[in-house]
Amino acid sequence: LIAGVGYFAFQSIRKKILVNKIAEKIDGGSGSGSIALGDYSSWFKPDYHKRIGVNVIKLKPESITPIREGLNKELNAWFNTDEDKVVLTFSNLRDGIAVSQVSEAYATKHKEDLLGRIQEKFNTSDQERLAKTLSTKSNYTTT
């Protein structure tokens, strides 16, 4: 019995060391492993989708309006921004091109920067959560 407990303790420690080594390789040894929303600032530039010189798949103009207005509703709520709805909205966008298209439409209609508004309304934790969502997306999708 004692030998069995010792074996499991040894295996547990060995696994923890291995997991820590893997985590260090993933986050470059910084220890944080966090992703910053600012890492995706180019996607929020209204002209990003115009500068990509390949045949990319873009959102249809009629599909942008409800996305833009849903974000505006949540980001300008008087009392309570629903961060989950905002993150879900971005999780449903295909790629950085779609983010740029929505950002352009938001800036044109509401005369404010979408990324700036998100950073103003979201705490650090929610910004990191949105950044993690964006990190699963590609820059663009080709036809």
C-alpha atoms as a PDB file:
ATOM      1  CA  LEU A   1       0.000   0.000   0.000  1.00  0.00           C
ATOM      2  CA  ILE A   2       2.765   2.429   0.932  1.00  0.00           C
ATOM      3  CA  ALA A   3       4.648   1.574  -2.259  1.00  0.00           C
ATOM      4  CA  GLY A   4       1.489   2.268  -4.303  1.00  0.00           C
ATOM      5  CA  VAL A   5       0.971   5.668  -2.676  1.00  0.00           C
ATOM      6  CA  GLY A   6       4.634   6.510  -3.233  1.00  0.00           C
ATOM      7  CA  TYR A   7       4.387   5.531  -6.884  1.00  0.00           C
ATOM      8  CA  PHE A   8       1.326   7.746  -7.463  1.00  0.00           C
ATOM      9  CA  ALA A   9       2.967  10.679  -5.645  1.00  0.00           C
ATOM     10  CA  PHE A  10       6.084  10.279  -7.802  1.00  0.00           C
ATOM     11  CA  GLN A  11       3.985  10.155 -11.018  1.00  0.00           C
ATOM     12  CA  SER A  12       1.999  13.206  -9.935  1.00  0.00           C
ATOM     13  CA  ILE A  13       5.148  15.247  -9.315  1.00  0.00           C
ATOM     14  CA  ARG A  14       6.634  14.094 -12.619  1.00  0.00           C
ATOM     15  CA  LYS A  15       3.486  15.127 -14.503  1.00  0.00           C
ATOM     16  CA  LYS A  16       3.428  18.543 -12.799  1.00  0.00           C
ATOM     17  CA  ILE A  17       7.055  19.176 -13.810  1.00  0.00           C
ATOM     18  CA  LEU A  18       6.276  18.156 -17.401  1.00  0.00           C
ATOM     19  CA  VAL A  19       3.173  20.386 -17.549  1.00  0.00           C
ATOM     20  CA  ASN A  20       5.193  23.341 -16.213  1.00  0.00           C
ATOM     21  CA  LYS A  21       7.899  22.776 -18.842  1.00  0.00           C
ATOM     22  CA  ILE A  22       5.279  22.673 -21.607  1.00  0.00           C
ATOM     23  CA  ALA A  23       3.583  25.837 -20.298  1.00  0.00           C
ATOM     24  CA  GLU A  24       6.928  27.621 -20.198  1.00  0.00           C
ATOM     25  CA  LYS A  25       7.590  26.706 -23.832  1.00  0.00           C
ATOM     26  CA  ILE A  26       4.130  27.904 -24.866  1.00  0.00           C
ATOM     27  CA  ASP A  27       4.287  31.328 -23.218  1.00  0.00           C
ATOM     28  CA  GLY A  28       7.963  31.899 -23.924  1.00  0.00           C
ATOM     29  CA  GLY A  29       8.961  31.703 -20.295  1.00  0.00           C
ATOM     30  CA  SER A  30       7.207  34.951 -19.401  1.00  0.00           C
ATOM     31  CA  GLY A  31       5.127  33.174 -16.819  1.00  0.00           C
ATOM     32  CA  SER A  32       1.960  35.021 -17.726  1.00  0.00           C
ATOM     33  CA  GLY A  33       0.702  33.292 -20.843  1.00  0.00           C
ATOM     34  CA  SER A  34      -1.824  36.081 -21.306  1.00  0.00           C
ATOM     35  CA  ILE A  35      -2.867  37.451 -24.653  1.00  0.00           C
ATOM     36  CA  ALA A  36      -3.438  41.180 -24.977  1.00  0.00           C
ATOM     37  CA  LEU A  37      -6.359  42.620 -26.891  1.00  0.00           C
ATOM     38  CA  GLY A  38      -3.943  45.166 -28.365  1.00  0.00           C
ATOM     39  CA  ASP A  39      -2.233  42.288 -30.179  1.00  0.00           C
ATOM     40  CA  TYR A  40      -5.218  42.387 -32.549  1.00  0.00           C
ATOM     41  CA  SER A  41      -5.370  46.178 -32.989  1.00  0.00           C
ATOM     42  CA  SER A  42      -4.627  45.925 -36.729  1.00  0.00           C
ATOM     43  CA  TRP A  43      -7.822  43.911 -37.179  1.00  0.00           C
ATOM     44  CA  PHE A  44      -9.819  46.762 -35.651  1.00  0.00           C
ATOM     45  CA  LYS A  45      -8.456  49.263 -38.161  1.00  0.00           C
ATOM     46  CA  PRO A  46     -11.278  50.119 -40.568  1.00  0.00           C
ATOM     47  CA  ASP A  47      -9.016  49.776 -43.608  1.00  0.00           C
ATOM     48  CA  TYR A  48      -7.443  46.415 -42.681  1.00  0.00           C
ATOM     49  CA  HIS A  49      -9.893  44.510 -44.865  1.00  0.00           C
ATOM     50  CA  LYS A  50      -9.082  46.800 -47.797  1.00  0.00           C
ATOM     51  CA  ARG A  51      -5.300  46.335 -47.549  1.00  0.00           C
ATOM     52  CA  ILE A  52      -5.196  42.549 -47.869  1.00  0.00           C
ATOM     53  CA  GLY A  53      -4.159  41.888 -51.447  1.00  0.00           C
ATOM     54  CA  VAL A  54      -5.676  38.442 -51.921  1.00  0.00           C
ATOM     55  CA  ASN A  55      -9.129  37.174 -52.773  1.00  0.00           C
ATOM     56  CA  VAL A  56     -10.654  37.109 -49.323  1.00  0.00           C
ATOM     57  CA  ILE A  57     -14.094  36.172 -48.139  1.00  0.00           C
ATOM     58  CA  LYS A  58     -15.876  39.215 -46.730  1.00  0.00           C
ATOM     59  CA  LEU A  59     -19.098  39.694 -44.850  1.00  0.00           C
ATOM     60  CA  LYS A  60     -22.061  40.783 -46.917  1.00  0.00           C
ATOM     61  CA  PRO A  61     -22.990  44.412 -46.167  1.00  0.00           C
ATOM     62  CA  GLU A  62     -26.479  43.435 -44.982  1.00  0.00           C
ATOM     63  CA  SER A  63     -25.031  41.076 -42.378  1.00  0.00           C
ATOM     64  CA  ILE A  64     -22.769  43.768 -40.888  1.00  0.00           C
ATOM     65  CA  THR A  65     -25.551  46.097 -39.703  1.00  0.00           C
ATOM     66  CA  PRO A  66     -27.095  43.762 -37.085  1.00  0.00           C
ATOM     67  CA  ILE A  67     -23.631  42.881 -35.756  1.00  0.00           C
ATOM     68  CA  ARG A  68     -22.663  46.556 -35.518  1.00  0.00           C
ATOM     69  CA  GLU A  69     -25.884  47.532 -33.792  1.00  0.00           C
ATOM     70  CA  GLY A  70     -25.743  44.603 -31.370  1.00  0.00           C
ATOM     71  CA  LEU A  71     -22.243  45.666 -30.335  1.00  0.00           C
ATOM     72  CA  ASN A  72     -23.347  49.289 -30.022  1.00  0.00           C
ATOM     73  CA  LYS A  73     -26.254  48.297 -27.790  1.00  0.00           C
ATOM     74  CA  GLU A  74     -24.021  46.300 -25.452  1.00  0.00           C
ATOM     75  CA  LEU A  75     -21.100  48.732 -25.391  1.00  0.00           C
ATOM     76  CA  ASN A  76     -23.320  51.737 -24.679  1.00  0.00           C
ATOM     77  CA  ALA A  77     -25.633  50.206 -22.093  1.00  0.00           C
ATOM     78  CA  TRP A  78     -26.295  52.641 -19.273  1.00  0.00           C
ATOM     79  CA  PHE A  79     -25.762  50.294 -16.384  1.00  0.00           C
ATOM     80  CA  ASN A  80     -24.406  46.947 -17.445  1.00  0.00           C
ATOM     81  CA  THR A  81     -22.338  45.948 -20.464  1.00  0.00           C
ATOM     82  CA  ASP A  82     -22.908  42.289 -21.262  1.00  0.00           C
ATOM     83  CA  GLU A  83     -19.321  41.251 -21.966  1.00  0.00           C
ATOM     84  CA  ASP A  84     -20.428  37.695 -22.720  1.00  0.00           C
ATOM     85  CA  LYS A  85     -22.595  38.901 -25.623  1.00  0.00           C
ATOM     86  CA  VAL A  86     -19.750  40.984 -27.024  1.00  0.00           C
ATOM     87  CA  VAL A  87     -17.306  38.076 -26.817  1.00  0.00           C
ATOM     88  CA  LEU A  88     -19.899  35.767 -28.381  1.00  0.00           C
ATOM     89  CA  THR A  89     -20.372  38.239 -31.234  1.00  0.00           C
ATOM     90  CA  PHE A  90     -16.646  38.172 -31.976  1.00  0.00           C
ATOM     91  CA  SER A  91     -16.507  34.395 -31.622  1.00  0.00           C
ATOM     92  CA  ASN A  92     -19.059  34.191 -34.444  1.00  0.00           C
ATOM     93  CA  LEU A  93     -16.942  36.301 -36.805  1.00  0.00           C
ATOM     94  CA  ARG A  94     -14.852  34.290 -39.267  1.00  0.00           C
ATOM     95  CA  ASP A  95     -11.539  36.166 -39.177  1.00  0.00           C
ATOM     96  CA  GLY A  96      -9.659  39.459 -38.898  1.00  0.00           C
ATOM     97  CA  ILE A  97     -11.237  40.704 -42.128  1.00  0.00           C
ATOM     98  CA  ALA A  98     -14.711  40.396 -40.601  1.00  0.00           C
ATOM     99  CA  VAL A  99     -13.532  42.197 -37.448  1.00  0.00           C
ATOM    100  CA  SER A 100     -12.216  45.025 -39.641  1.00  0.00           C
ATOM    101  CA  GLN A 101     -15.449  45.263 -41.612  1.00  0.00           C
ATOM    102  CA  VAL A 102     -17.513  45.505 -38.436  1.00  0.00           C
ATOM    103  CA  SER A 103     -15.059  48.007 -36.971  1.00  0.00           C
ATOM    104  CA  GLU A 104     -15.290  50.178 -40.083  1.00  0.00           C
ATOM    105  CA  ALA A 105     -19.096  50.091 -40.004  1.00  0.00           C
ATOM    106  CA  TYR A 106     -19.080  50.902 -36.271  1.00  0.00           C
ATOM    107  CA  ALA A 107     -16.723  53.878 -36.735  1.00  0.00           C
ATOM    108  CA  THR A 108     -18.700  55.200 -39.696  1.00  0.00           C
ATOM    109  CA  LYS A 109     -22.080  54.983 -37.973  1.00  0.00           C
ATOM    110  CA  HIS A 110     -21.176  55.819 -34.369  1.00  0.00           C
ATOM    111  CA  LYS A 111     -18.134  58.058 -34.870  1.00  0.00           C
ATOM    112  CA  GLU A 112     -15.987  56.176 -32.374  1.00  0.00           C
ATOM    113  CA  ASP A 113     -13.272  53.550 -32.413  1.00  0.00           C
ATOM    114  CA  LEU A 114     -14.637  50.066 -31.680  1.00  0.00           C
ATOM    115  CA  LEU A 115     -11.446  48.774 -30.049  1.00  0.00           C
ATOM    116  CA  GLY A 116     -11.182  51.906 -27.893  1.00  0.00           C
ATOM    117  CA  ARG A 117     -14.783  51.504 -26.762  1.00  0.00           C
ATOM    118  CA  ILE A 118     -14.232  47.857 -25.857  1.00  0.00           C
ATOM    119  CA  GLN A 119     -11.071  48.709 -23.910  1.00  0.00           C
ATOM    120  CA  GLU A 120     -12.967  51.454 -22.090  1.00  0.00           C
ATOM    121  CA  LYS A 121     -15.864  49.193 -21.084  1.00  0.00           C
ATOM    122  CA  PHE A 122     -14.062  45.875 -20.440  1.00  0.00           C
ATOM    123  CA  ASN A 123     -11.899  45.101 -17.433  1.00  0.00           C
ATOM    124  CA  THR A 124      -8.518  43.427 -18.001  1.00  0.00           C
ATOM    125  CA  SER A 125      -9.900  39.934 -17.536  1.00  0.00           C
ATOM    126  CA  ASP A 126     -12.652  40.440 -20.116  1.00  0.00           C
ATOM    127  CA  GLN A 127     -10.180  41.996 -22.558  1.00  0.00           C
ATOM    128  CA  GLU A 128      -7.977  38.905 -22.208  1.00  0.00           C
ATOM    129  CA  ARG A 129     -10.995  36.671 -22.765  1.00  0.00           C
ATOM    130  CA  LEU A 130     -11.859  38.528 -25.964  1.00  0.00           C
ATOM    131  CA  ALA A 131      -8.206  38.359 -27.050  1.00  0.00           C
ATOM    132  CA  LYS A 132      -8.218  34.584 -26.513  1.00  0.00           C
ATOM    133  CA  THR A 133     -11.346  34.352 -28.660  1.00  0.00           C
ATOM    134  CA  LEU A 134      -9.661  36.371 -31.405  1.00  0.00           C
ATOM    135  CA  SER A 135      -6.531  34.229 -31.137  1.00  0.00           C
ATOM    136  CA  THR A 136      -8.522  31.299 -32.541  1.00  0.00           C
ATOM    137  CA  LYS A 137      -9.203  33.234 -35.754  1.00  0.00           C
ATOM    138  CA  SER A 138      -7.085  33.585 -38.858  1.00  0.00           C
ATOM    139  CA  ASN A 139      -6.144  36.936 -40.388  1.00  0.00           C
ATOM    140  CA  TYR A 140      -8.286  36.232 -43.432  1.00  0.00           C
ATOM    141  CA  THR A 141      -9.989  33.440 -45.346  1.00  0.00           C
ATOM    142  CA  THR A 142      -9.408  33.108 -49.075  1.00  0.00           C
ATOM    143  CA  THR A 143     -11.954  32.189 -51.700  1.00  0.00           C
END
